[in-house]
Protein backbone atom coordinates (compact mmCIF):
# COMPACT_ATOMS: atom_id res chain seq x y z
CA MET A 1 53.93 41.99 8.04
CA PRO A 2 52.73 45.44 6.48
CA ASP A 3 49.04 45.55 6.20
CA GLY A 4 49.07 46.69 2.61
CA PRO A 5 51.27 49.29 0.70
CA PRO A 6 52.29 52.77 2.42
CA ILE A 7 49.65 55.42 2.87
CA THR A 8 49.27 58.98 3.29
CA ALA A 9 46.59 60.02 5.80
CA THR A 10 44.98 63.45 6.30
CA LEU A 11 43.68 64.02 9.76
CA ALA A 12 41.75 66.61 11.69
CA VAL A 13 42.99 66.50 15.41
CA GLU A 14 41.36 68.86 18.03
CA PRO A 15 44.01 68.67 21.13
CA PRO A 16 42.05 68.44 24.48
CA PRO A 17 41.85 71.82 26.02
CA GLU A 18 44.02 71.09 28.78
CA ALA A 19 46.94 70.36 26.08
CA ASP A 20 46.71 74.12 25.77
CA CYS A 21 48.06 73.51 22.21
CA VAL A 22 50.15 76.97 21.02
CA VAL A 23 49.39 76.04 17.41
CA VAL A 24 45.78 76.14 18.06
CA SER A 25 45.92 79.13 20.24
CA GLU A 26 48.25 81.19 18.08
CA ALA A 27 47.38 80.22 14.82
CA ASP A 28 43.71 80.15 14.23
CA ASN A 29 42.35 79.59 10.74
CA ILE A 30 45.66 80.13 8.48
CA ASP A 31 48.23 77.95 6.72
CA ILE A 32 51.19 76.46 8.31
CA GLU A 33 54.30 76.96 6.32
CA ASP A 34 56.55 74.64 8.60
CA HIS A 35 56.39 72.99 11.96
CA ASN A 36 58.88 70.71 13.63
CA LEU A 37 59.58 69.52 17.17
CA THR A 38 63.14 69.58 18.41
CA PHE A 39 63.94 67.50 21.54
CA SER A 40 66.44 65.45 23.30
CA ARG A 41 66.50 62.33 25.43
CA SER A 42 68.85 61.20 28.12
CA ALA A 43 71.17 58.50 27.35
CA GLY A 44 69.58 54.97 27.37
CA ASN A 45 66.17 56.36 27.95
CA SER A 46 63.67 56.86 25.22
CA ASP A 47 61.38 59.28 27.30
CA LEU A 48 61.23 62.84 26.28
CA GLU A 49 63.63 64.97 28.34
CA ASP A 50 63.09 68.21 27.10
CA GLY A 51 61.92 70.09 23.86
CA THR A 52 60.47 72.75 21.75
CA CYS A 53 57.45 73.16 19.10
CA ASN A 54 58.53 75.26 16.37
CA THR A 55 55.79 76.32 13.88
CA LYS A 56 55.90 78.99 11.00
CA VAL A 57 52.78 80.35 9.96
CA VAL A 58 51.59 82.61 7.03
CA GLU A 59 48.97 85.23 7.68
CA GLU A 60 47.22 87.50 4.95
CA ASP A 61 46.32 90.87 5.69
CA GLU A 62 44.20 92.71 2.71
CA GLY A 63 46.31 90.59 0.07
CA VAL A 64 49.63 91.29 1.91
CA PHE A 65 51.17 87.68 3.10
CA SER A 66 53.68 87.78 6.18
CA ASP A 67 55.35 85.09 8.08
CA ARG A 68 55.10 84.74 11.82
CA TYR A 69 56.86 82.14 14.07
CA VAL A 70 55.10 80.37 17.10
CA ARG A 71 57.11 78.64 19.43
CA SER A 72 56.50 76.74 22.68
CA GLU A 73 58.18 74.30 25.13
CA VAL A 74 56.83 70.62 24.34
CA GLU A 75 54.69 69.14 27.27
CA THR A 76 53.97 65.54 27.96
CA GLY A 77 50.45 66.29 26.71
CA CYS A 78 51.53 67.57 23.22
CA PHE A 79 49.51 65.60 20.73
CA CYS A 80 52.52 65.73 18.12
CA LEU A 81 54.35 63.10 20.61
CA VAL A 82 52.01 60.56 19.85
CA PHE A 83 53.12 60.82 16.01
CA HIS A 84 56.68 60.15 17.33
CA GLU A 85 55.37 56.94 19.41
CA VAL A 86 54.29 55.20 16.20
CA ASP A 87 57.59 56.36 14.54
CA CYS A 88 56.15 58.88 11.91
CA VAL A 89 56.54 62.53 11.57
CA PRO A 90 53.43 64.76 11.05
CA SER A 91 53.18 67.68 8.65
CA ILE A 92 50.73 70.13 10.00
CA GLU A 93 49.14 72.14 6.95
CA ARG A 94 46.48 74.40 8.39
CA VAL A 95 44.44 75.33 11.32
CA GLN A 96 40.64 75.41 11.19
CA GLY A 97 39.18 76.83 14.59
CA ASN A 98 40.49 74.16 17.17
CA ARG A 99 41.24 71.79 14.81
CA ILE A 100 44.72 71.15 13.32
CA VAL A 101 44.69 69.41 9.75
CA VAL A 102 47.72 67.00 9.52
CA SER A 103 49.29 64.99 6.77
CA VAL A 104 51.32 61.80 7.78
CA LEU A 105 53.04 58.99 5.79
CA LEU A 106 52.42 55.66 7.35
CA PRO A 107 53.51 52.28 6.48
CA ASP A 108 50.12 50.74 6.46
CA ARG A 109 46.71 51.08 7.57
CA GLU A 110 47.35 49.07 10.81
CA THR A 111 49.68 52.04 11.91
CA LEU A 112 46.87 54.35 11.21
CA ARG A 113 44.47 52.63 13.49
CA GLU A 114 47.03 52.64 16.22
CA LEU A 115 47.84 56.32 15.78
CA VAL A 116 44.23 57.25 15.83
CA SER A 117 43.80 55.21 18.75
CA ARG A 118 46.53 56.61 20.62
CA LEU A 119 45.60 60.26 19.75
CA ARG A 120 41.80 59.58 21.32
CA GLU A 121 43.26 57.93 24.34
CA GLY A 122 45.19 61.09 25.10
CA GLY A 123 42.05 63.09 24.78
CA SER A 124 41.92 64.53 21.11
CA SER A 125 39.33 64.35 18.95
CA VAL A 126 40.20 62.73 15.54
CA ASP A 127 38.54 62.49 12.03
CA VAL A 128 40.18 61.03 9.20
CA TYR A 129 39.74 63.45 6.27
CA GLY A 130 41.38 61.36 3.51
CA ILE A 131 43.66 58.55 2.67
CA THR A 132 46.01 58.00 -0.31
CA GLN A 133 47.35 54.68 -0.92
CA SER A 134 49.55 53.44 -3.67
CA ASN A 135 48.98 50.57 -5.88
CA VAL A 136 52.40 49.17 -6.37
CA LYS A 137 51.38 46.70 -9.33
CA GLY A 138 49.50 49.33 -11.22
CA ASN A 139 51.27 52.41 -10.06
CA GLU A 140 47.80 53.93 -9.24
CA SER A 141 47.22 56.35 -6.48
CA ILE A 142 43.89 56.08 -5.12
CA VAL A 143 42.55 59.26 -3.18
CA MET A 144 39.47 59.89 -0.95
CA ASP A 145 39.36 63.37 -0.06
CA VAL A 146 36.37 64.09 2.44
CA THR A 147 37.22 67.56 3.65
CA ASP A 148 33.81 68.64 1.83
CA ILE A 149 31.89 66.21 4.03
CA THR A 150 29.85 67.78 6.83
CA ASP A 151 30.05 66.49 10.53
CA LYS A 152 26.36 65.74 10.32
CA GLN A 153 26.80 63.56 7.40
CA ARG A 154 29.79 61.74 8.51
CA GLU A 155 27.68 61.22 11.55
CA ALA A 156 24.59 59.87 9.63
CA LEU A 157 27.16 57.57 7.50
CA MET A 158 28.70 56.15 10.69
CA VAL A 159 25.47 55.36 12.16
CA ALA A 160 24.21 53.55 8.95
CA VAL A 161 27.31 51.52 8.81
CA GLU A 162 26.84 50.48 12.25
CA GLU A 163 23.23 49.59 12.15
CA GLY A 164 23.67 47.65 8.86
CA TYR A 165 21.82 49.97 6.63
CA TYR A 166 24.44 48.98 3.74
CA GLU A 167 24.65 45.50 4.11
CA THR A 168 22.76 43.01 2.08
CA PRO A 169 19.93 42.31 3.19
CA ARG A 170 19.68 45.61 5.13
CA LYS A 171 19.56 45.16 8.85
CA ALA A 172 18.17 48.64 9.59
CA ASP A 173 15.73 51.23 7.53
CA LEU A 174 15.89 55.03 7.62
CA GLU A 175 13.47 54.81 10.55
CA VAL A 176 16.08 53.01 12.73
CA LEU A 177 18.64 55.67 11.63
CA ALA A 178 16.36 58.38 12.33
CA ASP A 179 15.58 57.27 15.90
CA ARG A 180 19.34 56.93 16.72
CA LEU A 181 20.29 60.27 15.28
CA GLY A 182 17.04 62.03 16.63
CA ILE A 183 16.17 63.51 13.37
CA SER A 184 13.40 62.81 10.59
CA LYS A 185 13.68 60.08 8.01
CA SER A 186 13.92 62.50 5.40
CA ALA A 187 16.79 64.52 6.82
CA VAL A 188 18.61 61.06 7.26
CA SER A 189 17.86 60.30 3.55
CA GLN A 190 19.22 63.70 2.49
CA ARG A 191 22.47 63.60 4.35
CA LEU A 192 23.22 59.75 3.08
CA LYS A 193 22.11 60.79 -0.54
CA SER A 194 24.52 63.89 -0.21
CA ILE A 195 27.48 62.19 1.11
CA GLU A 196 26.99 59.04 -1.53
CA SER A 197 26.62 61.64 -4.15
CA LYS A 198 30.15 63.32 -3.17
CA LEU A 199 31.97 59.93 -2.83
CA ILE A 200 30.92 58.64 -6.03
CA HIS A 201 31.53 61.86 -7.70
CA LYS A 202 35.19 61.62 -6.63
CA LEU A 203 35.43 58.11 -7.49
CA VAL A 204 34.32 58.87 -11.36
CA ASP A 205 36.68 61.87 -11.43
CA HIS A 206 39.32 59.67 -10.39
CA TRP A 207 38.95 57.27 -12.94
CA SER A 208 38.60 59.87 -15.52
CA VAL A 209 41.73 61.50 -14.89
CA ASP A 210 44.26 60.67 -17.91
């Protein structure tokens, strides 16, 4: 049974260095116009036979935009293959340093968990930037875009949840979180308040849209 309605997830994936991802090495901090994999399988065999990674990027130089094509042979360590393993197609949106921001349509949250797990098992670093889920009954789209939340804020929130800071009654206080993170209590408080403020405003903005 599907785990809820379909979702669109935005992921930031950093492939392992040994993967030598051509999209990262040849397309630093620019937008992706198009990306696809073309490959073939031998008859009666679901394993990859051979393939090509094709990416069209858009570059800007002093206000002038131009297209450039990046192409490479698909290797067994290519993280894009993981998406095909769970029967979904990634849409690469942009490259930020060594991270590739990917949008993907998935049938449910369980498939998202499986996808993230497989990517990490392959050596990739993965952060979930946002999830959009359709509410079939109300025809409502719930959007949670967390691209403006920093890595340090995300780390503080994850530790707070793990330690039970947000449970009732609380199982941990700021001192416990500070010891775990190796920073001061005021720094932990500031990071949590910042992320809470951002998430609350996003939720209110969503409800305020006509």
